[in-house]
Amino acid sequence: MLFQDAKAGEIRLRADTLDDLWHLRHLIAPGDLATASTYRRDDSATQDTSKPTRGEKRRLTLGVRVEVVEFQAFSDRLRVSGKIETGETDFGQHHTLTVGVRDDVKITKGRWRMYELERIRDAVKATGQPQVAVLAIEEGEAVIAFVHTYGVRELASIEARGSGKSYDKSTGRQEFFGDVLAQYKLAVAGLDVPVAVVGPGFTKEDFLRFAKERARGLFDSVLVDATSQGGMGGVQEAVRRGTVTRLVAEHRLGMEAQLVERLLEEVARDGKATYGPKHVAHALQVGAVETLLVADEVVRDPDVDALMERAADQKARAVVVSTESDAGRRLRGLTGIAALLKYQLS
């Protein structure tokens, strides 16, 4: 969060990660005023209809009264469309703001809801945490790094014992893999962070087979990608080519999938879960809700909005699930709103 004016209902936010864009998708609603730096064609100097040329695009700040917000899974842009209401030009005409990673946007609402403010606080809190762990490995050399919102930080650099000409691939490889695994365990101890294993050739696949035999569960969920080199160069290449942003998005969807799977299991055995507006409202009334799950398609429904407000008042976790995923579509099949409970209701 860059700025907040509670009286005016204004909050200025910066999207530092792909995950932040996903949050903005659910914070910006039709009827809000969204203001951002944008490009618009200047036709003021081309009023002579005999000239077919169009005006050049120039950068300016415009505010649009939001009508449509679009964000597709694994995209790196948020599109916010509506009529221009503030700025330098073309009042009343339609325009689309394009918001990407590292861009700022000011959102003005008539009323900010509790769950929306909680979503912002959670996103800000996560800013200092590593987004992804990257292990870049090639024969005889490896680097472990964390990708934060502010950049890449190297944690460990490992070389095979007797590296160089004296490195014996047939005997030294197991020792090298063991050293890499030990350093990786130290780096990620106590953290729930998605991991990408990258590098040239087949060394990364060989290492993963070795690691999965000796550290069960540590690499169960991992994204493997080819890069032209190992070391920090390989890490930076993975960042440039979008491996990291794709992994962040998949991690979010994975978290949602686990919650919905748990919900379905509890529903199947008539356990600690319920669904449907009336049943969820009752669970909230008796203070039984642990996690509220809401499909993004129904999040703006006034009745659902009221339930999310009540959940926020009770400090219950609220998760908006994307219906672009299988988990979201399954939740939509259960009316789009459900709750994991602290205890089973009679």
Protein backbone atom coordinates (compact mmCIF):
# COMPACT_ATOMS: atom_id res chain seq x y z
CA MET A 1 0.00 0.00 0.00
CA LEU A 2 1.42 3.38 -1.03
CA PHE A 3 -1.27 5.77 0.23
CA GLN A 4 -4.65 5.77 1.96
CA ASP A 5 -7.22 8.53 2.46
CA ALA A 6 -10.00 6.95 4.54
CA LYS A 7 -12.32 9.97 4.30
CA ALA A 8 -12.13 10.08 0.51
CA GLY A 9 -12.26 6.28 0.20
CA GLU A 10 -8.97 6.28 -1.74
CA ILE A 11 -6.22 3.67 -1.57
CA ARG A 12 -3.18 3.65 -3.87
CA LEU A 13 -1.59 0.25 -4.41
CA ARG A 14 1.42 -1.10 -6.31
CA ALA A 15 1.36 -4.55 -7.89
CA ASP A 16 4.75 -6.03 -7.00
CA THR A 17 3.94 -9.57 -8.12
CA LEU A 18 1.58 -11.56 -10.31
CA ASP A 19 -0.24 -12.53 -7.11
CA ASP A 20 -0.84 -8.84 -6.40
CA LEU A 21 -2.55 -8.49 -9.79
CA TRP A 22 -4.81 -11.36 -8.81
CA HIS A 23 -5.69 -9.51 -5.59
CA LEU A 24 -6.42 -6.32 -7.56
CA ARG A 25 -8.78 -8.30 -9.80
CA HIS A 26 -10.96 -8.88 -6.75
CA LEU A 27 -10.48 -5.45 -5.18
CA ILE A 28 -11.49 -3.36 -8.21
CA ALA A 29 -15.25 -3.62 -8.77
CA PRO A 30 -17.75 -2.10 -11.22
CA GLY A 31 -18.67 1.36 -9.99
CA ASP A 32 -15.26 2.07 -8.47
CA LEU A 33 -13.05 4.87 -9.80
CA ALA A 34 -9.70 3.46 -10.92
CA THR A 35 -6.89 5.91 -11.69
CA ALA A 36 -3.56 4.99 -13.25
CA SER A 37 -0.89 6.10 -15.68
CA THR A 38 -1.86 5.06 -19.19
CA TYR A 39 -1.41 5.75 -22.91
CA ARG A 40 -4.10 7.34 -25.08
CA ARG A 41 -4.00 8.53 -28.65
CA ASP A 42 -4.05 12.31 -29.04
CA ASP A 43 -6.26 13.17 -32.00
CA SER A 44 -6.52 16.87 -31.20
CA ALA A 45 -3.91 17.78 -33.78
CA THR A 46 -5.47 15.68 -36.54
CA GLN A 47 -8.88 17.28 -36.98
CA ASP A 48 -8.27 17.79 -40.70
CA THR A 49 -10.27 14.88 -42.15
CA SER A 50 -8.34 15.09 -45.41
CA LYS A 51 -5.33 13.69 -43.54
CA PRO A 52 -5.58 9.98 -42.79
CA THR A 53 -2.88 10.08 -40.10
CA ARG A 54 -3.82 9.42 -36.50
CA GLY A 55 -2.48 11.23 -33.45
CA GLU A 56 0.41 9.80 -31.47
CA LYS A 57 -0.17 8.03 -28.19
CA ARG A 58 0.98 9.96 -25.15
CA ARG A 59 1.34 9.04 -21.50
CA LEU A 60 -1.08 10.61 -19.04
CA THR A 61 -3.03 9.82 -15.88
CA LEU A 62 -6.72 9.00 -16.27
CA GLY A 63 -9.47 7.84 -13.94
CA VAL A 64 -12.20 5.57 -15.30
CA ARG A 65 -15.51 4.65 -13.70
CA VAL A 66 -15.08 0.89 -13.75
CA GLU A 67 -17.39 -1.24 -15.88
CA VAL A 68 -15.30 -4.35 -16.61
CA VAL A 69 -12.22 -5.91 -14.96
CA GLU A 70 -10.42 -8.66 -16.88
CA PHE A 71 -7.60 -10.90 -15.72
CA GLN A 72 -6.97 -14.32 -17.27
CA ALA A 73 -5.06 -17.06 -15.50
CA PHE A 74 -1.28 -16.82 -16.05
CA SER A 75 -1.64 -13.43 -17.73
CA ASP A 76 0.68 -10.64 -16.60
CA ARG A 77 -1.76 -7.79 -17.19
CA LEU A 78 -4.99 -6.54 -15.61
CA ARG A 79 -7.39 -4.65 -17.88
CA VAL A 80 -9.76 -2.14 -16.27
CA SER A 81 -12.33 -0.58 -18.63
CA GLY A 82 -14.87 2.21 -18.23
CA LYS A 83 -15.69 5.81 -19.09
CA ILE A 84 -13.09 8.49 -18.42
CA GLU A 85 -14.11 10.59 -15.44
CA THR A 86 -10.91 12.31 -14.32
CA GLY A 87 -7.73 13.37 -16.09
CA GLU A 88 -6.66 15.60 -18.92
CA THR A 89 -8.84 14.59 -21.87
CA ASP A 90 -11.80 12.81 -23.47
CA PHE A 91 -14.23 12.88 -20.55
CA GLY A 92 -17.11 10.44 -20.99
CA GLN A 93 -15.29 8.31 -23.58
CA HIS A 94 -14.39 4.69 -22.97
CA HIS A 95 -10.83 3.76 -22.12
CA THR A 96 -8.99 0.69 -20.81
CA LEU A 97 -6.30 0.97 -18.15
CA THR A 98 -3.64 -1.75 -18.37
CA VAL A 99 -2.04 -2.57 -15.01
CA GLY A 100 1.05 -4.78 -14.89
CA VAL A 101 3.63 -5.81 -12.31
CA ARG A 102 5.37 -2.73 -10.82
CA ASP A 103 2.47 -0.45 -11.83
CA ASP A 104 0.49 1.75 -9.42
CA VAL A 105 -3.26 2.15 -9.35
CA LYS A 106 -5.51 4.30 -7.15
CA ILE A 107 -8.88 2.79 -6.23
CA THR A 108 -11.70 5.01 -4.95
CA LYS A 109 -14.77 3.36 -3.42
CA GLY A 110 -17.88 4.62 -1.72
CA ARG A 111 -17.15 2.08 1.03
CA TRP A 112 -14.27 -0.28 1.61
CA ARG A 113 -15.41 -3.61 3.02
CA MET A 114 -13.62 -5.37 5.86
CA TYR A 115 -12.60 -8.39 3.77
CA GLU A 116 -11.14 -6.07 1.11
CA LEU A 117 -8.98 -4.26 3.66
CA GLU A 118 -7.96 -7.62 5.12
CA ARG A 119 -6.93 -8.81 1.65
CA ILE A 120 -4.70 -5.74 1.27
CA ARG A 121 -3.12 -6.31 4.70
CA ASP A 122 -2.39 -9.95 3.85
CA ALA A 123 -0.83 -8.99 0.51
CA VAL A 124 1.35 -6.31 2.14
CA LYS A 125 2.41 -8.76 4.87
CA ALA A 126 3.48 -11.28 2.23
CA THR A 127 5.69 -8.72 0.48
CA GLY A 128 8.68 -9.46 2.71
CA GLN A 129 8.37 -13.22 2.26
CA PRO A 130 10.13 -15.07 -0.55
CA GLN A 131 7.83 -15.71 -3.49
CA VAL A 132 9.75 -18.64 -4.95
CA ALA A 133 12.86 -20.70 -4.22
CA VAL A 134 14.95 -21.38 -7.30
CA LEU A 135 17.57 -24.12 -7.50
CA ALA A 136 19.72 -23.68 -10.61
CA ILE A 137 21.90 -26.74 -11.13
CA GLU A 138 24.32 -28.02 -13.73
CA GLU A 139 27.05 -30.63 -13.56
CA GLY A 140 29.30 -29.85 -10.58
CA GLU A 141 27.74 -26.46 -9.69
CA ALA A 142 24.49 -25.24 -8.13
CA VAL A 143 22.99 -22.05 -6.73
CA ILE A 144 20.02 -21.68 -4.38
CA ALA A 145 18.22 -18.33 -4.44
CA PHE A 146 15.01 -16.72 -3.18
CA VAL A 147 12.99 -14.49 -5.47
CA HIS A 148 11.41 -11.66 -3.46
CA THR A 149 9.17 -8.89 -4.68
CA TYR A 150 12.17 -6.57 -4.52
CA GLY A 151 14.60 -8.82 -6.39
CA VAL A 152 16.70 -11.99 -6.22
CA ARG A 153 18.83 -12.97 -3.21
CA GLU A 154 21.46 -15.70 -3.45
CA LEU A 155 21.44 -18.02 -0.44
CA ALA A 156 24.06 -20.63 -1.27
CA SER A 157 26.53 -21.57 -3.96
CA ILE A 158 27.67 -25.19 -4.07
CA GLU A 159 30.52 -26.69 -6.07
CA ALA A 160 31.38 -30.35 -6.38
CA ARG A 161 34.31 -31.47 -4.27
CA GLY A 162 37.35 -31.74 -6.45
CA SER A 163 35.68 -29.55 -9.06
CA GLY A 164 37.30 -28.73 -12.35
CA LYS A 165 39.60 -31.22 -14.03
CA SER A 166 39.81 -33.34 -10.89
CA TYR A 167 36.01 -33.76 -10.70
CA ASP A 168 35.10 -37.42 -11.16
CA LYS A 169 31.50 -37.56 -12.37
CA SER A 170 31.19 -41.28 -11.66
CA THR A 171 32.14 -41.03 -7.97
CA GLY A 172 31.73 -37.36 -7.00
CA ARG A 173 28.20 -36.83 -8.27
CA GLN A 174 26.47 -38.45 -5.30
CA GLU A 175 28.49 -36.33 -2.87
CA PHE A 176 27.67 -33.21 -4.88
CA PHE A 177 23.94 -33.98 -4.91
CA GLY A 178 24.09 -34.68 -1.17
CA ASP A 179 25.71 -31.29 -0.52
CA VAL A 180 23.09 -29.50 -2.65
CA LEU A 181 20.25 -31.26 -0.82
CA ALA A 182 21.70 -30.40 2.60
CA GLN A 183 22.07 -26.72 1.67
CA TYR A 184 18.55 -26.62 0.24
CA LYS A 185 17.08 -28.09 3.44
CA LEU A 186 18.79 -25.36 5.46
CA ALA A 187 17.57 -22.64 3.11
CA VAL A 188 13.87 -23.58 3.16
CA ALA A 189 13.60 -24.81 6.76
CA GLY A 190 10.27 -23.67 8.21
CA LEU A 191 9.07 -22.05 4.98
CA ASP A 192 6.17 -23.02 2.74
CA VAL A 193 7.53 -21.73 -0.54
CA PRO A 194 7.11 -23.08 -4.09
CA VAL A 195 10.29 -24.22 -5.80
CA ALA A 196 11.59 -24.19 -9.35
CA VAL A 197 14.49 -26.44 -10.33
CA VAL A 198 16.19 -25.19 -13.49
CA GLY A 199 19.33 -25.74 -15.51
CA PRO A 200 20.75 -27.15 -18.75
CA GLY A 201 20.81 -30.80 -19.70
CA PHE A 202 19.55 -33.63 -17.51
CA THR A 203 21.39 -32.85 -14.28
CA LYS A 204 18.27 -31.27 -12.72
CA GLU A 205 16.17 -34.40 -13.37
CA ASP A 206 18.94 -36.64 -11.99
CA PHE A 207 19.19 -34.50 -8.86
CA LEU A 208 15.42 -34.61 -8.30
CA ARG A 209 15.40 -38.40 -8.47
CA PHE A 210 18.23 -38.45 -5.93
CA ALA A 211 16.50 -35.91 -3.63
CA LYS A 212 13.05 -37.52 -3.71
CA GLU A 213 14.55 -40.82 -2.53
CA ARG A 214 16.29 -39.17 0.43
CA ALA A 215 13.89 -36.35 1.39
CA ARG A 216 10.36 -37.56 0.79
CA GLY A 217 7.84 -34.76 0.44
CA LEU A 218 10.38 -31.97 0.02
CA PHE A 219 10.12 -31.88 -3.78
CA ASP A 220 6.63 -33.30 -4.29
CA SER A 221 5.43 -30.04 -5.84
CA VAL A 222 8.14 -28.58 -8.04
CA LEU A 223 8.33 -26.83 -11.42
CA VAL A 224 11.17 -28.07 -13.62
CA ASP A 225 12.34 -25.84 -16.46
CA ALA A 226 15.27 -25.80 -18.86
CA THR A 227 17.67 -22.86 -18.90
CA SER A 228 20.80 -22.40 -20.96
CA GLN A 229 23.01 -22.21 -17.87
CA GLY A 230 23.13 -22.90 -14.14
CA GLY A 231 24.26 -20.58 -11.34
CA MET A 232 22.85 -17.10 -10.84
CA GLY A 233 22.66 -16.71 -14.60
CA GLY A 234 20.20 -19.60 -14.67
CA VAL A 235 18.17 -18.04 -11.85
CA GLN A 236 17.95 -14.70 -13.65
CA GLU A 237 17.02 -16.47 -16.89
CA ALA A 238 14.16 -18.26 -15.09
CA VAL A 239 12.93 -14.89 -13.83
CA ARG A 240 13.13 -13.27 -17.28
CA ARG A 241 11.34 -16.05 -19.13
CA GLY A 242 8.35 -16.09 -16.74
CA THR A 243 9.05 -19.35 -14.89
CA VAL A 244 8.78 -17.59 -11.53
CA THR A 245 5.54 -15.71 -12.24
CA ARG A 246 3.97 -18.91 -13.57
CA LEU A 247 4.97 -20.78 -10.41
CA VAL A 248 3.50 -18.07 -8.15
CA ALA A 249 0.18 -18.31 -9.97
CA GLU A 250 0.21 -22.11 -9.82
CA HIS A 251 1.02 -21.99 -6.09
CA ARG A 252 -2.02 -19.81 -5.44
CA LEU A 253 -4.24 -22.14 -7.47
CA GLY A 254 -2.72 -25.12 -5.66
CA MET A 255 -3.64 -23.63 -2.29
CA GLU A 256 -7.20 -23.07 -3.48
CA ALA A 257 -7.40 -26.62 -4.84
CA GLN A 258 -6.30 -28.08 -1.49
CA LEU A 259 -8.96 -26.12 0.38
CA VAL A 260 -11.73 -27.15 -2.01
CA GLU A 261 -10.59 -30.78 -1.91
CA ARG A 262 -10.71 -30.68 1.87
CA LEU A 263 -14.17 -29.14 1.67
CA LEU A 264 -15.47 -31.89 -0.61
CA GLU A 265 -14.04 -34.60 1.65
CA GLU A 266 -15.74 -33.09 4.69
CA VAL A 267 -19.04 -32.68 2.84
CA ALA A 268 -18.91 -36.31 1.63
CA ARG A 269 -18.70 -37.62 5.20
CA ASP A 270 -21.05 -35.02 6.65
CA GLY A 271 -18.15 -33.60 8.63
CA LYS A 272 -16.78 -30.15 9.47
CA ALA A 273 -18.05 -28.30 6.40
CA THR A 274 -21.18 -26.72 5.01
CA TYR A 275 -22.24 -24.91 1.84
CA GLY A 276 -24.98 -22.68 0.49
CA PRO A 277 -25.85 -19.16 1.72
CA LYS A 278 -28.36 -20.26 4.37
CA HIS A 279 -26.15 -22.96 5.89
CA VAL A 280 -23.07 -20.72 5.83
CA ALA A 281 -25.07 -17.91 7.45
CA HIS A 282 -26.08 -20.28 10.26
CA ALA A 283 -22.47 -21.42 10.75
CA LEU A 284 -21.38 -17.80 11.02
CA GLN A 285 -24.20 -17.06 13.45
CA VAL A 286 -22.90 -19.71 15.87
CA GLY A 287 -19.24 -18.76 15.32
CA ALA A 288 -18.28 -22.10 13.75
CA VAL A 289 -16.55 -20.90 10.56
CA GLU A 290 -12.82 -21.48 10.24
CA THR A 291 -12.40 -20.67 6.51
CA LEU A 292 -14.97 -19.14 4.19
CA LEU A 293 -14.62 -20.15 0.53
CA VAL A 294 -16.25 -17.92 -2.10
CA ALA A 295 -16.21 -18.34 -5.89
CA ASP A 296 -15.08 -15.15 -7.60
CA GLU A 297 -18.24 -15.08 -9.73
CA VAL A 298 -20.48 -14.49 -6.69
CA VAL A 299 -18.20 -12.33 -4.56
CA ARG A 300 -20.07 -9.12 -5.52
CA ASP A 301 -23.51 -10.53 -4.70
CA PRO A 302 -24.90 -8.35 -1.84
CA ASP A 303 -25.92 -11.37 0.25
CA VAL A 304 -22.51 -13.00 -0.19
CA ASP A 305 -20.83 -9.68 0.54
CA ALA A 306 -22.73 -9.49 3.84
CA LEU A 307 -21.55 -12.99 4.79
CA MET A 308 -17.94 -12.07 4.02
CA GLU A 309 -18.29 -8.96 6.19
CA ARG A 310 -19.57 -11.11 9.04
CA ALA A 311 -16.69 -13.56 8.59
CA ALA A 312 -14.19 -10.68 8.73
CA ASP A 313 -15.79 -9.45 11.98
CA GLN A 314 -15.27 -12.93 13.46
CA LYS A 315 -11.62 -13.07 12.27
CA ALA A 316 -12.46 -16.06 10.08
CA ARG A 317 -10.26 -16.57 7.04
CA ALA A 318 -11.93 -15.73 3.71
CA VAL A 319 -10.55 -17.10 0.42
CA VAL A 320 -11.86 -16.03 -2.98
CA VAL A 321 -11.42 -18.96 -5.36
CA SER A 322 -10.86 -18.41 -9.07
CA THR A 323 -13.48 -20.08 -11.26
CA GLU A 324 -10.90 -20.26 -14.04
CA SER A 325 -9.57 -23.30 -12.16
CA ASP A 326 -11.11 -26.73 -11.65
CA ALA A 327 -11.35 -26.04 -7.91
CA GLY A 328 -13.34 -22.88 -8.55
CA ARG A 329 -15.71 -24.65 -10.90
CA ARG A 330 -16.31 -27.38 -8.30
CA LEU A 331 -17.02 -24.74 -5.66
CA ARG A 332 -19.42 -23.05 -8.07
CA GLY A 333 -21.28 -26.37 -8.25
CA LEU A 334 -21.85 -26.05 -4.49
CA THR A 335 -23.62 -22.66 -4.95
CA GLY A 336 -20.31 -20.75 -4.96
CA ILE A 337 -20.10 -20.28 -1.19
CA ALA A 338 -19.02 -22.79 1.44
CA ALA A 339 -17.24 -22.98 4.78
CA LEU A 340 -14.74 -25.22 6.52
CA LEU A 341 -15.80 -25.40 10.16
CA LYS A 342 -14.08 -25.46 13.54
CA TYR A 343 -16.40 -28.23 14.63
CA GLN A 344 -19.17 -30.36 13.20
CA LEU A 345 -22.64 -28.86 13.33
CA SER A 346 -25.54 -31.07 14.38
